[in-house]
């Protein structure tokens, strides 16, 4: 990788880090969801600045070409994101079910109160 590409990768990774921090400070992104993106941006920054690390990591893992290490890391990152989003959706589903049940109970109670008032006013 030539120096121009390294600089571009470093600039984009740093911009992504600043964007993440800006979104967290503005309460547009929760910290627990931003953590994985933060790790990714730091990883890209490190591998962009030191491309020889991919070769070392490929040798250590027994992977023939360094580019395959990046594909493998991207695949693992995607799986982590999918898993964390699945957990979040499951929690939201349980919360939504509970809220729907509570709303139905409150509606029923409100109807009973209105019915009692109507009967009391009619007497």
Protein backbone atom coordinates (compact mmCIF):
# COMPACT_ATOMS: atom_id res chain seq x y z
CA UNK A 1 0.00 0.00 0.00
CA UNK A 2 1.47 3.35 -0.97
CA UNK A 3 1.69 6.34 1.36
CA UNK A 4 -1.16 8.20 -0.35
CA UNK A 5 -3.54 5.33 0.30
CA UNK A 6 -2.35 5.07 3.89
CA UNK A 7 -3.04 8.76 4.44
CA UNK A 8 -6.51 8.47 2.91
CA UNK A 9 -7.35 5.48 5.09
CA UNK A 10 -6.08 7.29 8.19
CA UNK A 11 -8.09 10.42 7.38
CA UNK A 12 -11.31 8.46 6.78
CA UNK A 13 -10.85 6.38 9.94
CA UNK A 14 -10.16 9.50 12.01
CA UNK A 15 -13.22 11.20 10.49
CA UNK A 16 -15.31 8.15 11.40
CA UNK A 17 -14.03 8.33 14.98
CA UNK A 18 -14.89 12.02 15.24
CA UNK A 19 -18.34 11.36 13.75
CA UNK A 20 -18.96 8.60 16.30
CA UNK A 21 -17.93 10.85 19.17
CA UNK A 22 -20.11 13.66 17.83
CA UNK A 23 -23.13 11.36 17.54
CA UNK A 24 -22.60 9.95 21.04
CA UNK A 25 -22.30 13.43 22.55
CA UNK A 26 -25.45 14.54 20.72
CA UNK A 27 -27.37 11.51 22.04
CA UNK A 28 -28.02 10.29 18.50
CA UNK A 29 -26.17 7.04 19.10
CA UNK A 30 -25.98 5.00 22.28
CA UNK A 31 -22.56 4.12 23.56
CA UNK A 32 -23.26 0.38 23.67
CA UNK A 33 -24.00 0.36 19.93
CA UNK A 34 -21.11 2.68 19.07
CA UNK A 35 -18.50 0.55 20.80
CA UNK A 36 -18.21 -1.99 17.98
CA UNK A 37 -17.98 0.79 15.38
CA UNK A 38 -15.34 2.51 17.49
CA UNK A 39 -13.28 -0.70 17.61
CA UNK A 40 -13.65 -1.07 13.83
CA UNK A 41 -12.49 2.50 13.17
CA UNK A 42 -9.48 2.07 15.46
CA UNK A 43 -8.66 -1.26 13.76
CA UNK A 44 -8.85 0.31 10.32
CA UNK A 45 -6.67 3.16 11.52
CA UNK A 46 -4.04 0.76 12.89
CA UNK A 47 -4.01 -1.54 9.84
CA UNK A 48 -4.06 1.49 7.52
CA UNK A 49 -1.04 3.05 9.19
CA UNK A 50 0.86 -0.23 9.57
CA UNK A 51 -0.06 -2.47 6.60
CA UNK A 52 2.70 -4.94 7.48
CA UNK A 53 0.55 -6.00 10.45
CA UNK A 54 -1.81 -7.80 8.08
CA UNK A 55 1.08 -9.91 6.80
CA UNK A 56 2.18 -10.71 10.34
CA UNK A 57 -1.37 -11.58 11.35
CA UNK A 58 -1.81 -13.74 8.24
CA UNK A 59 1.39 -15.65 9.04
CA UNK A 60 0.32 -16.07 12.68
CA UNK A 61 -3.14 -17.37 11.73
CA UNK A 62 -1.81 -19.54 8.91
CA UNK A 63 -3.69 -17.63 6.21
CA UNK A 64 -1.95 -17.57 2.86
CA UNK A 65 -2.67 -14.01 1.72
CA UNK A 66 -2.96 -10.92 3.91
CA UNK A 67 -6.05 -9.70 2.07
CA UNK A 68 -7.93 -12.78 3.26
CA UNK A 69 -7.23 -11.70 6.84
CA UNK A 70 -9.12 -8.49 6.13
CA UNK A 71 -12.04 -10.41 4.60
CA UNK A 72 -12.09 -12.73 7.60
CA UNK A 73 -12.03 -9.78 10.02
CA UNK A 74 -14.86 -8.12 8.08
CA UNK A 75 -16.89 -11.33 8.23
CA UNK A 76 -16.32 -11.65 11.99
CA UNK A 77 -17.25 -7.99 12.49
CA UNK A 78 -20.45 -8.50 10.50
CA UNK A 79 -21.38 -11.49 12.65
CA UNK A 80 -20.81 -9.48 15.83
CA UNK A 81 -22.99 -6.63 14.55
CA UNK A 82 -25.74 -9.03 13.47
CA UNK A 83 -25.67 -10.78 16.85
CA UNK A 84 -25.80 -7.52 18.83
CA UNK A 85 -28.69 -6.24 16.70
CA UNK A 86 -30.53 -9.54 17.16
CA UNK A 87 -30.18 -9.20 20.93
CA UNK A 88 -31.44 -5.60 20.77
CA UNK A 89 -34.43 -6.58 18.63
CA UNK A 90 -35.28 -9.42 21.02
CA UNK A 91 -35.24 -7.06 24.00
CA UNK A 92 -37.39 -4.55 22.15
CA UNK A 93 -39.83 -7.28 21.17
CA UNK A 94 -40.27 -8.31 24.80
CA UNK A 95 -40.70 -4.67 25.83
CA UNK A 96 -43.24 -4.06 23.08
CA UNK A 97 -45.26 -7.11 24.10
CA UNK A 98 -45.27 -5.99 27.74
CA UNK A 99 -46.30 -2.45 26.78
CA UNK A 100 -49.12 -3.75 24.58
CA UNK A 101 -50.41 -5.92 27.42
CA UNK A 102 -50.24 -3.04 29.91
CA UNK A 103 -52.02 -0.74 27.46
CA UNK A 104 -54.79 -3.29 26.96
CA UNK A 105 -55.25 -3.65 30.71
CA UNK A 106 -55.36 0.12 31.15
CA UNK A 107 -57.94 0.47 28.37
CA UNK A 108 -60.10 -2.18 29.99
CA UNK A 109 -59.82 -0.45 33.37
CA UNK A 110 -60.68 2.92 31.79
CA UNK A 111 -63.75 1.44 30.11
CA UNK A 112 -64.89 -0.03 33.43
CA UNK A 113 -64.44 3.33 35.19
CA UNK A 114 -66.38 5.12 32.45
CA UNK A 115 -69.11 2.51 32.60
CA UNK A 116 -69.38 2.93 36.42
CA UNK A 117 -69.56 6.74 36.07
CA UNK A 118 -72.20 6.45 33.39
CA UNK A 119 -74.27 4.12 35.58
CA UNK A 120 -73.83 6.43 38.61
CA UNK A 121 -74.85 9.49 36.58
CA UNK A 122 -77.93 7.66 35.27
CA UNK A 123 -79.31 6.93 38.74
